[in-house]
Protein backbone atom coordinates (compact mmCIF):
# COMPACT_ATOMS: atom_id res chain seq x y z
CA MET A 1 -13.82 -39.24 -22.03
CA ALA A 2 -13.76 -42.94 -23.03
CA TYR A 3 -15.96 -43.87 -25.99
CA ALA A 4 -16.88 -47.54 -25.76
CA THR A 5 -19.66 -50.03 -26.42
CA THR A 6 -20.40 -51.95 -23.23
CA ASN A 7 -23.39 -54.27 -23.42
CA PRO A 8 -25.63 -53.35 -20.44
CA TYR A 9 -26.99 -56.89 -20.23
CA THR A 10 -23.74 -58.85 -20.31
CA GLY A 11 -21.37 -56.18 -19.04
CA GLU A 12 -18.97 -57.04 -21.88
CA THR A 13 -17.06 -54.22 -23.55
CA LEU A 14 -17.47 -54.95 -27.26
CA LYS A 15 -15.56 -52.11 -28.89
CA THR A 16 -13.64 -48.99 -27.94
CA PHE A 17 -12.94 -45.80 -29.87
CA PRO A 18 -10.18 -43.22 -29.43
CA ASN A 19 -11.08 -39.60 -28.79
CA SER A 20 -11.00 -37.33 -31.80
CA THR A 21 -7.71 -35.54 -32.24
CA ASP A 22 -7.54 -31.75 -32.41
CA ALA A 23 -6.61 -32.13 -36.07
CA GLU A 24 -9.75 -34.19 -36.71
CA VAL A 25 -11.90 -31.55 -35.02
CA ALA A 26 -10.30 -28.80 -37.09
CA ASP A 27 -10.81 -30.82 -40.26
CA ALA A 28 -14.47 -31.45 -39.41
CA LEU A 29 -15.09 -27.72 -39.04
CA ASP A 30 -13.22 -26.92 -42.26
CA GLN A 31 -15.14 -29.59 -44.12
CA GLY A 32 -18.44 -28.56 -42.54
CA HIS A 33 -17.97 -24.94 -43.51
CA GLY A 34 -17.16 -25.94 -47.06
CA ALA A 35 -20.16 -28.25 -47.27
CA PHE A 36 -22.40 -25.49 -45.99
CA GLN A 37 -21.49 -23.18 -48.86
CA ALA A 38 -22.81 -25.71 -51.37
CA TRP A 39 -25.65 -27.14 -49.27
CA LYS A 40 -27.31 -23.80 -48.50
CA ALA A 41 -27.40 -22.99 -52.24
CA LEU A 42 -29.56 -26.01 -53.00
CA PRO A 43 -33.33 -25.55 -53.07
CA VAL A 44 -35.21 -27.14 -50.18
CA SER A 45 -36.74 -29.65 -52.59
CA GLN A 46 -33.25 -30.98 -53.34
CA ARG A 47 -32.12 -31.08 -49.72
CA VAL A 48 -35.07 -33.14 -48.55
CA LYS A 49 -34.38 -35.84 -51.12
CA VAL A 50 -31.45 -36.82 -48.91
CA LEU A 51 -33.80 -37.04 -45.93
CA GLN A 52 -36.13 -39.33 -47.84
CA ASN A 53 -33.20 -41.52 -48.82
CA ALA A 54 -32.19 -41.74 -45.15
CA ALA A 55 -35.71 -42.74 -44.13
CA ASP A 56 -35.78 -45.42 -46.82
CA LEU A 57 -32.42 -46.83 -45.73
CA LEU A 58 -33.47 -46.93 -42.07
CA ARG A 59 -36.51 -48.98 -42.98
CA LEU A 60 -34.59 -51.20 -45.38
CA ARG A 61 -32.11 -52.20 -42.66
CA HIS A 62 -34.29 -51.66 -39.62
CA ALA A 63 -33.27 -54.95 -37.96
CA GLU A 64 -29.57 -54.08 -38.20
CA TYR A 65 -30.05 -50.57 -36.83
CA ALA A 66 -32.35 -51.76 -34.04
CA ARG A 67 -29.99 -54.48 -32.85
CA LEU A 68 -27.18 -51.95 -32.50
CA LEU A 69 -29.37 -49.80 -30.25
CA THR A 70 -30.04 -52.76 -27.98
CA LEU A 71 -26.40 -53.84 -27.82
CA GLU A 72 -25.12 -50.37 -26.97
CA MET A 73 -27.66 -49.02 -24.48
CA GLY A 74 -29.79 -52.02 -23.60
CA LYS A 75 -33.28 -51.07 -24.69
CA LEU A 76 -35.81 -53.73 -25.62
CA LEU A 77 -35.53 -54.84 -29.22
CA SER A 78 -39.17 -53.89 -29.81
CA GLU A 79 -38.46 -50.40 -28.48
CA ALA A 80 -35.36 -50.18 -30.64
CA GLN A 81 -37.39 -51.07 -33.72
CA ALA A 82 -39.92 -48.39 -32.82
CA GLU A 83 -37.11 -45.84 -32.48
CA VAL A 84 -35.80 -46.66 -35.94
CA GLU A 85 -39.27 -46.12 -37.40
CA LEU A 86 -39.75 -42.87 -35.43
CA SER A 87 -36.46 -41.56 -36.81
CA ALA A 88 -37.55 -42.40 -40.36
CA SER A 89 -40.88 -40.66 -39.74
CA ILE A 90 -39.12 -37.49 -38.59
CA PHE A 91 -37.12 -37.39 -41.81
CA GLU A 92 -40.29 -37.84 -43.83
CA TYR A 93 -42.12 -35.09 -41.93
CA TYR A 94 -39.63 -32.54 -43.26
CA VAL A 95 -39.68 -34.11 -46.72
CA LYS A 96 -43.39 -33.30 -46.79
CA HIS A 97 -43.47 -29.96 -45.00
CA ALA A 98 -40.10 -28.16 -44.94
CA GLU A 99 -40.43 -26.39 -48.29
CA LYS A 100 -43.74 -24.80 -47.31
CA GLN A 101 -42.58 -23.98 -43.78
CA LEU A 102 -39.45 -22.24 -45.08
CA ALA A 103 -41.25 -20.29 -47.79
CA PRO A 104 -40.91 -16.47 -47.63
CA GLU A 105 -43.72 -14.84 -45.67
CA ALA A 106 -45.34 -11.70 -47.05
CA LEU A 107 -45.66 -8.89 -44.50
CA LYS A 108 -47.96 -5.89 -44.58
CA SER A 109 -46.73 -2.61 -43.15
CA GLU A 110 -49.05 0.21 -42.12
CA ASP A 111 -46.50 2.63 -43.55
CA SER A 112 -47.68 3.38 -47.08
CA ALA A 113 -44.08 4.03 -48.16
CA VAL A 114 -43.32 0.31 -47.70
CA THR A 115 -44.64 -1.16 -50.90
CA SER A 116 -43.76 -4.76 -50.10
CA ALA A 117 -41.95 -6.81 -47.46
CA TRP A 118 -41.03 -10.42 -46.90
CA LEU A 119 -39.62 -12.46 -44.07
CA VAL A 120 -37.17 -15.04 -45.38
CA HIS A 121 -35.64 -17.89 -43.39
CA GLU A 122 -31.98 -18.41 -44.21
CA PRO A 123 -29.54 -20.99 -42.80
CA LEU A 124 -26.70 -19.90 -40.54
CA GLY A 125 -23.91 -22.47 -40.93
CA ILE A 126 -22.59 -25.21 -38.65
CA ILE A 127 -24.77 -26.28 -35.73
CA LEU A 128 -23.25 -28.32 -32.89
CA ALA A 129 -25.50 -31.10 -31.57
CA ILE A 130 -24.72 -32.67 -28.20
CA GLU A 131 -26.92 -35.71 -27.66
CA PRO A 132 -27.58 -38.35 -24.95
CA TRP A 133 -27.61 -42.13 -25.00
CA ASN A 134 -31.23 -42.97 -24.16
CA PHE A 135 -32.53 -42.57 -27.73
CA PRO A 136 -29.36 -42.66 -29.82
CA TYR A 137 -31.02 -42.37 -33.25
CA TYR A 138 -34.14 -40.36 -32.43
CA GLN A 139 -32.12 -37.65 -30.70
CA ILE A 140 -29.96 -37.28 -33.82
CA ALA A 141 -32.88 -37.38 -36.25
CA ARG A 142 -34.90 -34.72 -34.50
CA ILE A 143 -32.04 -32.21 -34.77
CA ILE A 144 -30.44 -33.05 -38.11
CA ALA A 145 -33.67 -33.50 -40.09
CA PRO A 146 -34.85 -29.90 -39.56
CA GLN A 147 -31.39 -28.38 -39.66
CA LEU A 148 -30.37 -30.09 -42.89
CA ALA A 149 -33.73 -29.17 -44.42
CA ALA A 150 -33.15 -25.56 -43.42
CA GLY A 151 -29.75 -25.58 -45.13
CA ASN A 152 -27.50 -25.83 -42.08
CA VAL A 153 -24.89 -28.53 -41.50
CA VAL A 154 -24.34 -30.39 -38.22
CA VAL A 155 -21.40 -31.57 -36.12
CA LEU A 156 -22.37 -34.23 -33.57
CA LYS A 157 -20.93 -34.99 -30.15
CA HIS A 158 -22.85 -38.06 -28.99
CA ALA A 159 -22.79 -39.83 -25.62
CA SER A 160 -19.66 -41.84 -24.93
CA ASN A 161 -21.52 -45.16 -24.50
CA VAL A 162 -23.20 -45.16 -27.94
CA PRO A 163 -20.26 -44.56 -30.30
CA GLN A 164 -21.34 -47.15 -32.85
CA CYS A 165 -24.82 -45.66 -33.13
CA ALA A 166 -23.25 -42.25 -33.77
CA ASP A 167 -20.94 -43.68 -36.41
CA ALA A 168 -23.78 -45.62 -38.03
CA PHE A 169 -25.84 -42.46 -38.41
CA GLU A 170 -22.98 -40.55 -40.04
CA LYS A 171 -22.54 -43.39 -42.52
CA LEU A 172 -26.30 -43.49 -43.08
CA MET A 173 -26.39 -39.83 -44.10
CA LEU A 174 -23.42 -40.20 -46.42
CA GLU A 175 -25.06 -43.19 -48.09
CA ALA A 176 -28.27 -41.16 -48.37
CA GLY A 177 -26.39 -38.61 -50.48
CA LEU A 178 -25.45 -35.90 -48.00
CA PRO A 179 -22.17 -34.21 -49.02
CA ALA A 180 -19.13 -35.01 -46.87
CA GLY A 181 -19.06 -32.54 -43.99
CA GLY A 182 -22.83 -32.09 -43.99
CA PHE A 183 -23.10 -34.25 -40.87
CA LYS A 184 -19.97 -35.24 -38.97
CA ASN A 185 -19.69 -37.36 -35.83
CA LEU A 186 -16.81 -36.52 -33.49
CA TYR A 187 -15.64 -38.43 -30.41
CA ALA A 188 -14.88 -35.08 -28.83
CA SER A 189 -13.59 -34.16 -25.39
CA ARG A 190 -15.06 -31.43 -23.20
CA ASP A 191 -12.22 -29.07 -24.08
CA GLN A 192 -12.81 -29.69 -27.77
CA ILE A 193 -16.52 -28.99 -27.37
CA LYS A 194 -15.69 -25.59 -25.91
CA LYS A 195 -13.38 -24.86 -28.84
CA ILE A 196 -16.07 -25.88 -31.32
CA ILE A 197 -18.60 -23.58 -29.68
CA ASN A 198 -16.16 -20.68 -29.90
CA ASP A 199 -15.34 -21.24 -33.57
CA PRO A 200 -16.87 -18.38 -35.61
CA ARG A 201 -18.18 -20.82 -38.22
CA VAL A 202 -20.40 -22.47 -35.59
CA HIS A 203 -23.66 -20.60 -35.18
CA GLY A 204 -25.64 -22.56 -32.62
CA VAL A 205 -25.71 -25.39 -30.10
CA ALA A 206 -28.52 -27.88 -29.54
CA LEU A 207 -28.13 -30.03 -26.43
CA THR A 208 -30.24 -32.80 -24.99
CA GLY A 209 -28.97 -34.04 -21.67
CA SER A 210 -28.68 -33.40 -17.95
CA GLU A 211 -29.19 -30.12 -16.12
CA ALA A 212 -25.50 -30.03 -15.26
CA ALA A 213 -24.38 -30.50 -18.86
CA GLY A 214 -26.95 -27.99 -20.05
CA ALA A 215 -25.80 -25.34 -17.61
CA VAL A 216 -22.17 -25.69 -18.72
CA VAL A 217 -22.87 -25.69 -22.45
CA ALA A 218 -25.47 -22.92 -22.27
CA SER A 219 -22.95 -20.78 -20.39
CA GLN A 220 -20.27 -21.43 -22.99
CA ALA A 221 -22.68 -20.66 -25.82
CA GLY A 222 -23.83 -17.49 -24.11
CA LYS A 223 -20.28 -16.23 -23.65
CA ALA A 224 -19.66 -16.88 -27.34
CA LEU A 225 -22.94 -15.12 -28.23
CA LYS A 226 -24.26 -18.26 -29.88
CA LYS A 227 -27.89 -19.30 -29.73
CA SER A 228 -28.62 -22.54 -27.91
CA THR A 229 -31.55 -24.85 -27.34
CA MET A 230 -31.66 -27.05 -24.26
CA GLU A 231 -33.77 -30.15 -23.77
CA LEU A 232 -32.94 -31.21 -20.24
CA GLY A 233 -34.47 -33.39 -17.54
CA GLY A 234 -38.02 -33.90 -16.46
CA ALA A 235 -40.18 -35.22 -13.66
CA ASP A 236 -43.47 -35.49 -15.49
CA ALA A 237 -46.67 -35.63 -13.46
CA PHE A 238 -49.17 -38.39 -14.21
CA ILE A 239 -52.43 -37.14 -12.68
CA VAL A 240 -55.22 -39.62 -12.00
CA LEU A 241 -58.57 -37.91 -11.42
CA ALA A 242 -61.52 -39.49 -9.62
CA ASP A 243 -63.42 -40.32 -12.83
CA ALA A 244 -60.50 -41.97 -14.64
CA ASP A 245 -60.88 -45.39 -16.23
CA LEU A 246 -58.60 -47.11 -13.74
CA ASP A 247 -57.86 -50.24 -15.75
CA LYS A 248 -56.71 -48.23 -18.77
CA THR A 249 -54.98 -45.62 -16.62
CA ALA A 250 -52.95 -48.18 -14.66
CA LYS A 251 -51.78 -49.84 -17.88
CA TRP A 252 -50.63 -46.50 -19.29
CA ALA A 253 -48.92 -45.69 -15.99
CA VAL A 254 -46.92 -48.93 -16.09
CA MET A 255 -45.82 -48.20 -19.65
CA GLY A 256 -45.30 -44.48 -19.06
CA ARG A 257 -42.93 -45.13 -16.18
CA HIS A 258 -41.09 -48.22 -17.41
CA TRP A 259 -40.56 -47.85 -21.17
CA ASN A 260 -36.89 -47.63 -21.98
CA ALA A 261 -36.34 -48.94 -18.41
CA GLY A 262 -37.58 -45.58 -17.10
CA GLN A 263 -34.70 -43.74 -18.77
CA VAL A 264 -36.81 -41.12 -20.53
CA CYS A 265 -36.81 -37.41 -19.79
CA CYS A 266 -40.60 -37.31 -20.33
CA SER A 267 -41.32 -40.52 -18.44
CA SER A 268 -44.25 -40.52 -15.99
CA LYS A 269 -42.02 -40.16 -12.94
CA ARG A 270 -44.48 -38.61 -10.46
CA ILE A 271 -47.81 -40.44 -10.22
CA ILE A 272 -50.36 -38.22 -8.47
CA VAL A 273 -53.66 -39.90 -7.57
CA VAL A 274 -56.69 -38.28 -5.97
CA GLU A 275 -57.61 -39.89 -2.67
CA ALA A 276 -61.00 -41.17 -3.84
CA VAL A 277 -59.42 -43.73 -6.19
CA TYR A 278 -55.94 -44.03 -4.69
CA ASP A 279 -56.18 -47.56 -3.26
CA GLU A 280 -57.90 -48.98 -6.34
CA PHE A 281 -55.33 -47.44 -8.67
CA ILE A 282 -52.32 -48.55 -6.63
CA GLU A 283 -53.61 -52.12 -6.57
CA ARG A 284 -53.87 -52.17 -10.35
CA TYR A 285 -50.58 -50.35 -10.87
CA THR A 286 -48.50 -52.61 -8.63
CA ALA A 287 -49.98 -55.69 -10.27
CA GLY A 288 -49.03 -54.30 -13.67
CA VAL A 289 -45.46 -53.57 -12.63
CA LEU A 290 -45.13 -57.01 -11.01
CA ALA A 291 -46.01 -58.59 -14.35
CA LEU A 292 -43.01 -57.00 -16.09
CA LYS A 293 -40.31 -59.51 -16.96
CA ALA A 294 -36.67 -58.46 -16.76
CA GLY A 295 -34.16 -60.26 -18.94
CA ASP A 296 -32.22 -60.23 -22.18
CA PRO A 297 -33.43 -57.18 -24.13
CA LEU A 298 -32.97 -59.12 -27.38
CA ASP A 299 -35.52 -61.71 -26.16
CA PRO A 300 -39.05 -60.78 -27.33
CA ALA A 301 -40.44 -62.10 -24.02
CA THR A 302 -38.54 -59.46 -22.03
CA THR A 303 -40.61 -56.43 -21.01
CA LEU A 304 -38.20 -54.67 -18.64
CA ALA A 305 -34.75 -53.79 -19.94
CA PRO A 306 -31.55 -53.19 -17.97
CA LEU A 307 -30.38 -49.64 -17.43
CA SER A 308 -27.76 -48.25 -19.78
CA SER A 309 -24.83 -49.04 -17.50
CA LYS A 310 -23.87 -50.36 -14.08
CA SER A 311 -23.02 -46.81 -12.98
CA ALA A 312 -26.52 -45.67 -13.98
CA ALA A 313 -28.06 -48.47 -11.92
CA ASP A 314 -25.82 -47.64 -8.94
CA GLU A 315 -26.91 -43.98 -9.12
CA VAL A 316 -30.60 -44.90 -9.04
CA ARG A 317 -30.04 -47.14 -6.02
CA ARG A 318 -28.13 -44.33 -4.32
CA GLN A 319 -31.07 -41.96 -4.87
CA ILE A 320 -33.48 -44.52 -3.41
CA GLY A 321 -31.33 -44.87 -0.32
CA GLU A 322 -31.13 -41.11 0.13
CA ALA A 323 -34.90 -40.80 -0.22
CA VAL A 324 -35.49 -43.43 2.45
CA ALA A 325 -32.95 -41.78 4.74
CA HIS A 326 -35.05 -38.61 4.53
CA GLY A 327 -38.30 -40.33 5.46
CA ALA A 328 -39.70 -41.88 2.28
CA THR A 329 -41.10 -45.41 2.17
CA ALA A 330 -39.59 -47.65 -0.51
CA THR A 331 -41.74 -50.58 -1.60
CA VAL A 332 -40.38 -53.13 -4.06
CA ILE A 333 -43.17 -53.67 -6.60
CA GLY A 334 -41.33 -55.48 -9.39
CA ALA A 335 -40.46 -59.12 -9.88
CA GLU A 336 -36.93 -60.41 -9.34
CA VAL A 337 -34.36 -59.23 -11.88
CA PRO A 338 -31.35 -61.16 -13.24
CA ALA A 339 -28.14 -61.06 -11.27
CA GLN A 340 -26.21 -60.12 -14.39
CA GLY A 341 -26.75 -56.85 -16.16
CA ALA A 342 -27.46 -53.28 -15.07
CA PHE A 343 -30.91 -53.99 -13.68
CA VAL A 344 -32.82 -52.16 -10.97
CA ARG A 345 -35.85 -53.91 -9.51
CA PRO A 346 -38.90 -51.59 -9.79
CA VAL A 347 -39.54 -49.62 -6.62
CA MET A 348 -42.34 -47.34 -5.45
CA LEU A 349 -41.44 -44.35 -3.26
CA SER A 350 -44.25 -42.94 -1.12
CA ASP A 351 -44.56 -40.69 1.95
CA LEU A 352 -42.54 -38.03 0.14
CA GLU A 353 -42.48 -34.57 1.65
CA PRO A 354 -40.99 -31.35 0.23
CA ASP A 355 -38.06 -31.52 2.68
CA ASN A 356 -36.97 -34.80 1.08
CA PRO A 357 -34.48 -34.23 -1.75
CA ALA A 358 -36.25 -36.94 -3.76
CA TYR A 359 -39.41 -34.82 -3.87
CA TYR A 360 -37.77 -32.55 -6.45
CA GLN A 361 -35.35 -34.97 -8.12
CA GLU A 362 -35.45 -36.80 -11.43
CA PHE A 363 -35.09 -40.59 -11.16
CA PHE A 364 -33.73 -42.05 -14.40
CA GLY A 365 -34.82 -45.62 -13.88
CA PRO A 366 -37.79 -47.80 -12.76
CA VAL A 367 -38.64 -45.82 -9.64
CA SER A 368 -42.19 -44.51 -9.20
CA LEU A 369 -42.79 -41.49 -6.99
CA ILE A 370 -46.36 -41.86 -5.70
CA PHE A 371 -48.41 -38.99 -4.26
CA LYS A 372 -51.89 -39.11 -2.74
CA ALA A 373 -53.81 -35.86 -3.34
CA LYS A 374 -56.93 -35.05 -1.34
CA ASP A 375 -58.61 -33.60 -4.42
CA GLU A 376 -58.03 -32.30 -7.94
CA ALA A 377 -56.79 -28.91 -6.76
CA GLU A 378 -54.08 -30.49 -4.63
CA ALA A 379 -53.13 -32.83 -7.48
CA ILE A 380 -52.53 -29.81 -9.73
CA ALA A 381 -50.55 -28.08 -6.97
CA ILE A 382 -48.30 -31.12 -6.50
CA ALA A 383 -47.81 -31.39 -10.26
CA ASN A 384 -46.65 -27.77 -10.45
CA ASP A 385 -44.40 -28.01 -7.38
CA SER A 386 -41.36 -29.02 -9.40
CA PRO A 387 -38.24 -27.35 -10.75
CA PHE A 388 -38.91 -29.17 -14.03
CA GLY A 389 -41.49 -28.36 -16.66
CA LEU A 390 -41.22 -30.82 -19.51
CA GLY A 391 -44.46 -32.78 -19.86
CA GLY A 392 -47.34 -34.31 -17.99
CA SER A 393 -50.61 -36.12 -18.38
CA VAL A 394 -54.16 -36.06 -17.03
CA PHE A 395 -56.42 -39.10 -16.90
CA THR A 396 -60.18 -38.57 -16.85
CA ARG A 397 -63.32 -39.72 -18.66
CA ASN A 398 -64.32 -36.07 -19.19
CA ILE A 399 -62.08 -34.81 -22.00
CA ASP A 400 -63.29 -31.20 -21.79
CA HIS A 401 -62.52 -31.11 -18.09
CA GLY A 402 -59.18 -32.79 -18.70
CA ILE A 403 -58.27 -30.00 -21.11
CA LYS A 404 -59.14 -27.42 -18.44
CA VAL A 405 -56.89 -29.22 -15.94
CA ALA A 406 -54.14 -29.40 -18.54
CA GLY A 407 -54.37 -25.63 -18.88
CA GLN A 408 -53.41 -25.30 -15.22
CA ILE A 409 -50.28 -27.48 -15.47
CA SER A 410 -47.06 -25.51 -15.99
CA THR A 411 -45.13 -27.58 -18.55
CA GLY A 412 -44.22 -27.54 -22.22
CA MET A 413 -46.50 -30.49 -23.04
CA VAL A 414 -49.60 -32.07 -21.51
CA TYR A 415 -51.43 -35.14 -22.82
CA ILE A 416 -54.96 -36.25 -21.94
CA ASN A 417 -55.33 -39.98 -21.22
CA HIS A 418 -51.82 -40.80 -22.42
CA PRO A 419 -48.32 -40.43 -20.94
CA THR A 420 -46.15 -37.68 -22.41
CA SER A 421 -45.29 -38.89 -25.88
CA VAL A 422 -42.98 -38.22 -28.83
CA LYS A 423 -44.31 -37.96 -32.36
CA ALA A 424 -42.72 -36.86 -35.62
CA ASP A 425 -45.40 -34.22 -36.22
CA LEU A 426 -45.75 -32.73 -32.72
CA PRO A 427 -43.40 -30.27 -30.98
CA PHE A 428 -41.15 -31.31 -28.09
CA GLY A 429 -39.69 -29.15 -25.32
CA GLY A 430 -40.14 -27.74 -21.84
CA ILE A 431 -39.69 -24.82 -19.50
CA ARG A 432 -37.78 -23.98 -16.31
CA ARG A 433 -35.06 -26.52 -15.57
CA SER A 434 -36.33 -28.75 -18.37
CA GLY A 435 -34.74 -26.32 -20.79
CA TYR A 436 -35.79 -23.96 -23.54
CA GLY A 437 -36.43 -24.00 -27.25
CA ARG A 438 -38.46 -26.50 -29.22
CA GLU A 439 -37.61 -29.39 -31.49
CA LEU A 440 -39.64 -30.88 -34.34
CA ILE A 441 -42.32 -29.37 -36.61
CA ALA A 442 -41.84 -25.82 -37.88
CA LEU A 443 -40.65 -24.64 -34.46
CA GLY A 444 -37.58 -26.88 -34.59
CA LEU A 445 -37.02 -26.04 -38.25
CA LYS A 446 -36.70 -22.34 -37.46
CA GLU A 447 -34.63 -22.45 -34.25
CA PHE A 448 -31.35 -21.88 -36.11
CA VAL A 449 -32.19 -19.69 -39.09
CA ASN A 450 -31.84 -16.00 -39.87
CA HIS A 451 -35.35 -14.53 -40.03
CA LYS A 452 -34.37 -11.80 -42.45
CA LEU A 453 -36.59 -8.94 -43.49
CA ILE A 454 -36.51 -7.80 -47.11
CA GLY A 455 -38.43 -4.57 -47.51
CA VAL A 456 -39.13 -2.40 -50.56
CA THR A 457 -39.96 1.28 -50.21
CA ASP A 458 -40.90 3.90 -52.75
CA ILE A 459 -40.18 7.31 -51.29
CA ASP A 460 -38.08 10.27 -52.32
CA GLY A 461 -35.89 12.36 -50.04
CA ALA A 462 -34.34 11.80 -46.63
CA PHE A 463 -35.77 10.12 -43.55
């Protein structure tokens, strides 16, 4: 597994990194276990001071951190700046709330012999985080902020094309005051990952990535009897009802499908429009996509970034070709893109039927799957006809009705009048092949803790 920074816009390889040696992996686990012994003994109020320091440092050097995101994976500089701020906000969420969320909970037993009982939330040890390239900082922040607050320590295996972002975050946490070993980045191989999972000092695995990677790692964790959380792919439905504000809806659809060049697990990948407003919506949507400008992601005028790599762009084009071969209609709806860089010109796929592999696939790029539904009921049915279950959205002027429709959509998240979003103070996660477990808020904080009962009884004699 080659760890290297290759600029997606220029194609230039800027820096390479050697894989971690077995000795470095062993040292990271030794150091992590040692750091855990001291870190878990600190009160939550002391732990979160490090998180606040990290948030402050991210904001202090936001331009530096953002530029690195753009150079390594190609996202727009404005999107990179937003990611830096989101990461800082996640740290601050746990600064404000972790102590209360981890407080012992008093329980009441109906057995009069139990005079008192508490549920306490204790850290477990080392947690392995395996993260993807599309949000290099945010993906780290949303796992390490809750886990460090809970008293765990984290070993990171990041994507091979964002090694500098991974290294920058390790240095950030050390500068913020985290003890050495509290968060360690490793340029690990697949064999080393398996060894880490099987180490008895490692107590859980959190992965964000593809279905294929999730299946392998979840299997390894299961065999080792380690808990895992999996945030995998998505094919979010973007439902447009007959009473939707079409101007606003089309603008959100353009953004929801094309932010981060469409490389978002909760991107609005399947746009489902009721027949009554289909033509009007498509006219507005295609005009909005046509207005996107592809170019240098460091240029503020650019509104459509390249994909993360040439291989990623080639894979999206391969999927489009396969979809067309199985009967879909591909319509180019985006403006010309530069010859250099890992760009894919925005495409709309229509005439999709369930026997077309594309009907059930995730497209990680600027490809819009468009469905015409005869009515609301069919729109909901199309939305639920997916192996994924991450997020979705419903657009309507009637909020109460939108909430009722949302209740019929089988996903982990549904937004009304907004594409699926990510916020520091809202939970994130899905069902079915989109994975299991939740990240952020108290749910993410308590994924890898021992929920231990302490009970007091006052009774004489035997059971």
